[in-house]
Amino acid sequence: MASCGGEGSAAAAVPHVLAVDDSSVDRAVIASILRRSQFRVTAVDSGKRALELLGSEPNVSMIITDYWMPEMTGYELLKKVKESSRLKEIPVVIMSSENVPTRINKCLEEGAEDFLLKPVRASDVSRLCSRVLR
């Protein structure tokens, strides 16, 4: 099983991931995979809630968000994070069940660290650990 924590790492060193998805099933799946990989996970159901949480929680190591959500898409959330001087260093990973190259490229050009196709697998999370949380 993938693990992002080092040997004997303290709880404070556990990466905190904000998982954003309007689907309760997809939210539960990604949260479960992330927790098995030793992440601390906070899951919310919208980009608006994600921004509210980011306003009060300074220790988010990574944001993983669905692309298609009502009110605010994952792309719009990505843009708001990257426009914020306080949040712009947080890596953002976009997820989608649709493999649309122009959308993927648009997200990567706007600053997304990665674009994962659903269903997200444990191997995707392992890859994120090594790349994003180096």
N, C-alpha and C. Protein backbone atom coordinates (compact mmCIF):
# COMPACT_ATOMS: atom_id res chain seq x y z
N MET A 1 0.85 -1.20 0.00
CA MET A 1 0.00 0.00 0.00
C MET A 1 0.88 1.25 0.00
N ALA A 2 0.49 2.22 -0.74
CA ALA A 2 1.25 3.47 -0.83
C ALA A 2 1.19 4.21 0.49
N SER A 3 2.28 4.86 0.82
CA SER A 3 2.32 5.68 2.02
C SER A 3 3.11 6.93 1.72
N CYS A 4 2.58 8.07 2.15
CA CYS A 4 3.29 9.32 1.90
C CYS A 4 4.09 9.75 3.11
N GLY A 5 3.80 9.22 4.28
CA GLY A 5 4.53 9.59 5.48
C GLY A 5 5.85 8.86 5.53
N GLY A 6 6.86 9.51 6.08
CA GLY A 6 8.16 8.86 6.24
C GLY A 6 8.11 7.92 7.44
N GLU A 7 9.19 7.21 7.68
CA GLU A 7 9.27 6.33 8.84
C GLU A 7 9.11 7.14 10.11
N GLY A 8 8.18 6.73 10.95
CA GLY A 8 7.98 7.37 12.24
C GLY A 8 7.57 8.82 12.16
N SER A 9 6.96 9.23 11.08
CA SER A 9 6.58 10.64 10.95
C SER A 9 5.48 11.00 11.93
N ALA A 10 5.56 12.18 12.48
CA ALA A 10 4.58 12.64 13.46
C ALA A 10 3.27 12.99 12.76
N ALA A 11 2.19 13.01 13.52
CA ALA A 11 0.87 13.30 12.94
C ALA A 11 0.86 14.66 12.24
N ALA A 12 1.61 15.62 12.78
CA ALA A 12 1.64 16.96 12.19
C ALA A 12 2.26 16.93 10.79
N ALA A 13 3.09 15.91 10.51
CA ALA A 13 3.75 15.82 9.22
C ALA A 13 2.89 15.12 8.17
N VAL A 14 1.74 14.59 8.57
CA VAL A 14 0.87 13.89 7.63
C VAL A 14 0.27 14.91 6.67
N PRO A 15 0.44 14.69 5.36
CA PRO A 15 -0.11 15.64 4.40
C PRO A 15 -1.63 15.73 4.52
N HIS A 16 -2.15 16.95 4.49
CA HIS A 16 -3.60 17.20 4.58
C HIS A 16 -4.12 17.50 3.19
N VAL A 17 -5.04 16.67 2.72
CA VAL A 17 -5.59 16.85 1.38
C VAL A 17 -7.05 17.28 1.49
N LEU A 18 -7.39 18.29 0.72
CA LEU A 18 -8.77 18.74 0.60
C LEU A 18 -9.35 18.10 -0.64
N ALA A 19 -10.35 17.22 -0.46
CA ALA A 19 -11.00 16.52 -1.57
C ALA A 19 -12.34 17.20 -1.85
N VAL A 20 -12.56 17.61 -3.11
CA VAL A 20 -13.75 18.37 -3.48
C VAL A 20 -14.49 17.63 -4.59
N ASP A 21 -15.72 17.20 -4.30
CA ASP A 21 -16.53 16.52 -5.32
C ASP A 21 -17.99 16.62 -4.92
N ASP A 22 -18.86 16.98 -5.85
CA ASP A 22 -20.28 17.10 -5.53
C ASP A 22 -20.94 15.73 -5.42
N SER A 23 -20.32 14.67 -5.91
CA SER A 23 -20.87 13.32 -5.80
C SER A 23 -20.43 12.69 -4.48
N SER A 24 -21.39 12.33 -3.64
CA SER A 24 -21.04 11.73 -2.34
C SER A 24 -20.31 10.40 -2.52
N VAL A 25 -20.66 9.64 -3.56
CA VAL A 25 -19.99 8.37 -3.82
C VAL A 25 -18.53 8.61 -4.22
N ASP A 26 -18.32 9.50 -5.18
CA ASP A 26 -16.94 9.79 -5.61
C ASP A 26 -16.12 10.40 -4.49
N ARG A 27 -16.75 11.25 -3.67
CA ARG A 27 -16.06 11.85 -2.52
C ARG A 27 -15.61 10.77 -1.55
N ALA A 28 -16.48 9.80 -1.28
CA ALA A 28 -16.14 8.71 -0.35
C ALA A 28 -15.02 7.85 -0.92
N VAL A 29 -15.06 7.58 -2.22
CA VAL A 29 -14.03 6.74 -2.85
C VAL A 29 -12.67 7.42 -2.77
N ILE A 30 -12.58 8.68 -3.18
CA ILE A 30 -11.29 9.36 -3.18
C ILE A 30 -10.78 9.55 -1.75
N ALA A 31 -11.68 9.86 -0.82
CA ALA A 31 -11.25 10.02 0.58
C ALA A 31 -10.69 8.71 1.13
N SER A 32 -11.33 7.60 0.80
CA SER A 32 -10.88 6.29 1.26
C SER A 32 -9.49 5.96 0.71
N ILE A 33 -9.29 6.18 -0.58
CA ILE A 33 -7.98 5.92 -1.20
C ILE A 33 -6.91 6.80 -0.55
N LEU A 34 -7.22 8.08 -0.37
CA LEU A 34 -6.25 9.00 0.22
C LEU A 34 -5.91 8.60 1.65
N ARG A 35 -6.92 8.22 2.43
CA ARG A 35 -6.66 7.83 3.84
C ARG A 35 -5.81 6.56 3.91
N ARG A 36 -6.06 5.61 3.01
CA ARG A 36 -5.25 4.38 2.99
C ARG A 36 -3.81 4.70 2.64
N SER A 37 -3.59 5.81 1.96
CA SER A 37 -2.24 6.22 1.59
C SER A 37 -1.64 7.19 2.62
N GLN A 38 -2.23 7.20 3.81
CA GLN A 38 -1.69 7.96 4.94
C GLN A 38 -1.88 9.47 4.84
N PHE A 39 -2.87 9.92 4.07
CA PHE A 39 -3.21 11.33 4.05
C PHE A 39 -4.25 11.63 5.13
N ARG A 40 -4.25 12.85 5.63
CA ARG A 40 -5.37 13.35 6.42
C ARG A 40 -6.28 14.01 5.40
N VAL A 41 -7.55 13.66 5.40
CA VAL A 41 -8.46 14.12 4.36
C VAL A 41 -9.62 14.92 4.94
N THR A 42 -9.90 16.05 4.31
CA THR A 42 -11.14 16.78 4.56
C THR A 42 -11.88 16.78 3.23
N ALA A 43 -13.13 16.29 3.24
CA ALA A 43 -13.91 16.20 2.00
C ALA A 43 -15.07 17.18 2.07
N VAL A 44 -15.23 17.95 0.99
CA VAL A 44 -16.33 18.91 0.89
C VAL A 44 -17.03 18.71 -0.45
N ASP A 45 -18.26 19.23 -0.56
CA ASP A 45 -19.08 18.94 -1.74
C ASP A 45 -19.15 20.05 -2.78
N SER A 46 -18.37 21.12 -2.61
CA SER A 46 -18.43 22.20 -3.61
C SER A 46 -17.17 23.06 -3.56
N GLY A 47 -16.93 23.76 -4.67
CA GLY A 47 -15.81 24.69 -4.72
C GLY A 47 -15.97 25.81 -3.72
N LYS A 48 -17.22 26.26 -3.52
CA LYS A 48 -17.49 27.33 -2.55
C LYS A 48 -17.09 26.89 -1.14
N ARG A 49 -17.48 25.67 -0.77
CA ARG A 49 -17.11 25.15 0.56
C ARG A 49 -15.60 24.98 0.67
N ALA A 50 -14.97 24.57 -0.42
CA ALA A 50 -13.52 24.42 -0.42
C ALA A 50 -12.84 25.75 -0.11
N LEU A 51 -13.29 26.82 -0.76
CA LEU A 51 -12.71 28.14 -0.52
C LEU A 51 -12.95 28.60 0.92
N GLU A 52 -14.14 28.30 1.45
CA GLU A 52 -14.43 28.65 2.85
C GLU A 52 -13.46 27.93 3.78
N LEU A 53 -13.25 26.63 3.53
CA LEU A 53 -12.36 25.85 4.38
C LEU A 53 -10.92 26.35 4.24
N LEU A 54 -10.50 26.67 3.02
CA LEU A 54 -9.14 27.18 2.82
C LEU A 54 -8.93 28.50 3.54
N GLY A 55 -10.01 29.25 3.75
CA GLY A 55 -9.91 30.51 4.48
C GLY A 55 -9.64 30.31 5.96
N SER A 56 -10.03 29.15 6.49
CA SER A 56 -9.87 28.91 7.92
C SER A 56 -8.87 27.81 8.25
N GLU A 57 -8.41 27.07 7.26
CA GLU A 57 -7.48 25.95 7.48
C GLU A 57 -6.20 26.21 6.70
N PRO A 58 -5.15 26.67 7.40
CA PRO A 58 -3.93 27.06 6.69
C PRO A 58 -3.05 25.89 6.25
N ASN A 59 -3.27 24.70 6.79
CA ASN A 59 -2.34 23.60 6.53
C ASN A 59 -2.86 22.56 5.55
N VAL A 60 -3.26 23.02 4.37
CA VAL A 60 -3.67 22.08 3.32
C VAL A 60 -2.47 21.85 2.41
N SER A 61 -2.11 20.57 2.22
CA SER A 61 -0.94 20.22 1.42
C SER A 61 -1.26 20.08 -0.06
N MET A 62 -2.53 19.73 -0.36
CA MET A 62 -2.92 19.51 -1.75
C MET A 62 -4.45 19.57 -1.83
N ILE A 63 -4.94 20.02 -2.99
CA ILE A 63 -6.38 20.02 -3.27
C ILE A 63 -6.60 19.07 -4.44
N ILE A 64 -7.56 18.14 -4.28
CA ILE A 64 -7.94 17.27 -5.39
C ILE A 64 -9.42 17.50 -5.63
N THR A 65 -9.76 17.96 -6.83
CA THR A 65 -11.13 18.39 -7.09
C THR A 65 -11.70 17.81 -8.38
N ASP A 66 -12.99 17.55 -8.34
CA ASP A 66 -13.71 17.14 -9.53
C ASP A 66 -13.75 18.32 -10.50
N TYR A 67 -13.83 18.05 -11.80
CA TYR A 67 -13.94 19.12 -12.77
C TYR A 67 -15.36 19.67 -12.83
N TRP A 68 -16.34 18.79 -13.06
CA TRP A 68 -17.73 19.23 -13.22
C TRP A 68 -18.45 19.26 -11.89
N MET A 69 -18.77 20.43 -11.40
CA MET A 69 -19.58 20.59 -10.18
C MET A 69 -20.50 21.78 -10.40
N PRO A 70 -21.69 21.76 -9.76
CA PRO A 70 -22.58 22.93 -9.88
C PRO A 70 -21.98 24.15 -9.17
N GLU A 71 -22.43 25.31 -9.52
CA GLU A 71 -22.01 26.60 -8.95
C GLU A 71 -20.59 27.00 -9.33
N MET A 72 -19.61 26.14 -9.04
CA MET A 72 -18.21 26.45 -9.35
C MET A 72 -17.53 25.18 -9.83
N THR A 73 -16.99 25.20 -11.05
CA THR A 73 -16.29 24.01 -11.55
C THR A 73 -14.93 23.88 -10.87
N GLY A 74 -14.33 22.71 -11.02
CA GLY A 74 -12.98 22.51 -10.51
C GLY A 74 -11.99 23.46 -11.18
N TYR A 75 -12.24 23.77 -12.45
CA TYR A 75 -11.38 24.72 -13.16
C TYR A 75 -11.48 26.11 -12.54
N GLU A 76 -12.70 26.54 -12.20
CA GLU A 76 -12.88 27.85 -11.56
C GLU A 76 -12.24 27.87 -10.18
N LEU A 77 -12.33 26.76 -9.44
CA LEU A 77 -11.67 26.65 -8.14
C LEU A 77 -10.16 26.76 -8.32
N LEU A 78 -9.62 26.05 -9.31
CA LEU A 78 -8.20 26.11 -9.61
C LEU A 78 -7.76 27.55 -9.87
N LYS A 79 -8.51 28.27 -10.70
CA LYS A 79 -8.16 29.66 -11.01
C LYS A 79 -8.18 30.53 -9.76
N LYS A 80 -9.18 30.36 -8.88
CA LYS A 80 -9.26 31.16 -7.65
C LYS A 80 -8.08 30.86 -6.73
N VAL A 81 -7.71 29.60 -6.62
CA VAL A 81 -6.57 29.23 -5.78
C VAL A 81 -5.28 29.84 -6.34
N LYS A 82 -5.08 29.73 -7.64
CA LYS A 82 -3.84 30.22 -8.25
C LYS A 82 -3.77 31.74 -8.29
N GLU A 83 -4.92 32.42 -8.21
CA GLU A 83 -4.94 33.89 -8.18
C GLU A 83 -4.69 34.44 -6.77
N SER A 84 -4.77 33.57 -5.76
CA SER A 84 -4.62 34.01 -4.37
C SER A 84 -3.16 33.95 -3.95
N SER A 85 -2.64 35.06 -3.45
CA SER A 85 -1.24 35.07 -3.00
C SER A 85 -1.02 34.10 -1.84
N ARG A 86 -2.06 33.88 -1.04
CA ARG A 86 -1.94 33.00 0.13
C ARG A 86 -2.08 31.52 -0.23
N LEU A 87 -2.82 31.21 -1.30
CA LEU A 87 -3.14 29.82 -1.64
C LEU A 87 -2.39 29.28 -2.84
N LYS A 88 -1.78 30.15 -3.64
CA LYS A 88 -1.27 29.74 -4.95
C LYS A 88 -0.21 28.65 -4.93
N GLU A 89 0.45 28.46 -3.78
CA GLU A 89 1.48 27.42 -3.69
C GLU A 89 0.89 26.03 -3.44
N ILE A 90 -0.39 25.95 -3.13
CA ILE A 90 -1.01 24.65 -2.87
C ILE A 90 -1.23 23.93 -4.21
N PRO A 91 -0.69 22.72 -4.35
CA PRO A 91 -0.90 21.97 -5.59
C PRO A 91 -2.38 21.60 -5.74
N VAL A 92 -2.90 21.75 -6.96
CA VAL A 92 -4.29 21.40 -7.26
C VAL A 92 -4.29 20.31 -8.32
N VAL A 93 -5.03 19.23 -8.04
CA VAL A 93 -5.18 18.13 -8.98
C VAL A 93 -6.65 18.06 -9.37
N ILE A 94 -6.91 18.00 -10.67
CA ILE A 94 -8.28 17.94 -11.19
C ILE A 94 -8.60 16.50 -11.55
N MET A 95 -9.85 16.07 -11.26
CA MET A 95 -10.32 14.74 -11.64
C MET A 95 -11.54 14.89 -12.54
N SER A 96 -11.68 13.96 -13.48
CA SER A 96 -12.88 13.94 -14.33
C SER A 96 -13.08 12.55 -14.90
N SER A 97 -14.32 12.22 -15.14
CA SER A 97 -14.61 10.94 -15.81
C SER A 97 -14.55 11.09 -17.32
N GLU A 98 -14.41 12.33 -17.80
CA GLU A 98 -14.38 12.60 -19.23
C GLU A 98 -12.95 12.90 -19.69
N ASN A 99 -12.48 12.15 -20.67
CA ASN A 99 -11.14 12.33 -21.21
C ASN A 99 -11.22 13.30 -22.38
N VAL A 100 -11.15 14.60 -22.07
CA VAL A 100 -11.24 15.65 -23.09
C VAL A 100 -9.90 16.39 -23.12
N PRO A 101 -9.05 16.08 -24.11
CA PRO A 101 -7.70 16.66 -24.13
C PRO A 101 -7.65 18.19 -24.03
N THR A 102 -8.57 18.90 -24.67
CA THR A 102 -8.53 20.36 -24.59
C THR A 102 -8.79 20.83 -23.16
N ARG A 103 -9.70 20.18 -22.46
CA ARG A 103 -10.00 20.52 -21.07
C ARG A 103 -8.80 20.20 -20.17
N ILE A 104 -8.21 19.04 -20.39
CA ILE A 104 -7.04 18.64 -19.60
C ILE A 104 -5.92 19.66 -19.78
N ASN A 105 -5.64 20.01 -21.03
CA ASN A 105 -4.57 20.98 -21.32
C ASN A 105 -4.88 22.34 -20.71
N LYS A 106 -6.13 22.77 -20.78
CA LYS A 106 -6.53 24.07 -20.21
C LYS A 106 -6.24 24.09 -18.70
N CYS A 107 -6.57 23.00 -18.01
CA CYS A 107 -6.33 22.93 -16.57
C CYS A 107 -4.83 22.94 -16.26
N LEU A 108 -4.07 22.17 -17.01
CA LEU A 108 -2.62 22.12 -16.79
C LEU A 108 -1.97 23.46 -17.07
N GLU A 109 -2.43 24.15 -18.12
CA GLU A 109 -1.89 25.47 -18.45
C GLU A 109 -2.22 26.50 -17.37
N GLU A 110 -3.35 26.31 -16.70
CA GLU A 110 -3.78 27.25 -15.65
C GLU A 110 -3.07 26.96 -14.32
N GLY A 111 -2.30 25.87 -14.26
CA GLY A 111 -1.51 25.61 -13.05
C GLY A 111 -1.84 24.33 -12.30
N ALA A 112 -2.74 23.49 -12.85
CA ALA A 112 -3.01 22.21 -12.17
C ALA A 112 -1.75 21.35 -12.20
N GLU A 113 -1.51 20.65 -11.11
CA GLU A 113 -0.35 19.75 -11.03
C GLU A 113 -0.56 18.50 -11.86
N ASP A 114 -1.81 18.05 -11.93
CA ASP A 114 -2.11 16.82 -12.64
C ASP A 114 -3.59 16.79 -12.95
N PHE A 115 -3.97 15.89 -13.84
CA PHE A 115 -5.37 15.69 -14.23
C PHE A 115 -5.58 14.18 -14.21
N LEU A 116 -6.43 13.71 -13.31
CA LEU A 116 -6.68 12.27 -13.17
C LEU A 116 -8.03 11.91 -13.78
N LEU A 117 -8.05 10.79 -14.47
CA LEU A 117 -9.31 10.28 -14.99
C LEU A 117 -9.94 9.36 -13.96
N LYS A 118 -11.25 9.54 -13.74
CA LYS A 118 -11.98 8.67 -12.83
C LYS A 118 -12.29 7.36 -13.56
N PRO A 119 -12.37 6.25 -12.86
CA PRO A 119 -12.20 6.16 -11.40
C PRO A 119 -10.73 6.29 -11.00
N VAL A 120 -10.50 7.07 -9.94
CA VAL A 120 -9.15 7.25 -9.41
C VAL A 120 -8.74 5.96 -8.71
N ARG A 121 -7.50 5.55 -8.96
CA ARG A 121 -6.99 4.30 -8.37
C ARG A 121 -5.88 4.62 -7.36
N ALA A 122 -5.57 3.64 -6.53
CA ALA A 122 -4.50 3.81 -5.53
C ALA A 122 -3.17 4.13 -6.22
N SER A 123 -2.94 3.57 -7.41
CA SER A 123 -1.69 3.84 -8.13
C SER A 123 -1.59 5.31 -8.54
N ASP A 124 -2.75 5.94 -8.83
CA ASP A 124 -2.75 7.37 -9.14
C ASP A 124 -2.29 8.17 -7.93
N VAL A 125 -2.77 7.77 -6.76
CA VAL A 125 -2.42 8.46 -5.51
C VAL A 125 -0.93 8.28 -5.20
N SER A 126 -0.41 7.09 -5.44
CA SER A 126 1.03 6.85 -5.22
C SER A 126 1.86 7.78 -6.10
N ARG A 127 1.43 7.93 -7.36
CA ARG A 127 2.14 8.81 -8.29
C ARG A 127 2.08 10.26 -7.81
N LEU A 128 0.91 10.66 -7.29
CA LEU A 128 0.77 12.03 -6.76
C LEU A 128 1.71 12.25 -5.58
N CYS A 129 1.78 11.27 -4.70
CA CYS A 129 2.67 11.38 -3.54
C CYS A 129 4.08 11.72 -3.95
N SER A 130 4.59 10.96 -4.90
CA SER A 130 5.99 11.15 -5.28
C SER A 130 6.19 12.45 -6.06
N ARG A 131 5.20 12.85 -6.87
CA ARG A 131 5.37 14.04 -7.71
C ARG A 131 5.03 15.33 -6.99
N VAL A 132 3.87 15.35 -6.34
CA VAL A 132 3.32 16.60 -5.83
C VAL A 132 3.83 16.93 -4.43
N LEU A 133 3.94 15.93 -3.59
CA LEU A 133 4.31 16.19 -2.18
C LEU A 133 5.76 15.78 -1.94
N ARG A 134 6.63 16.22 -2.81
CA ARG A 134 8.03 15.85 -2.70
C ARG A 134 8.72 16.47 -1.52
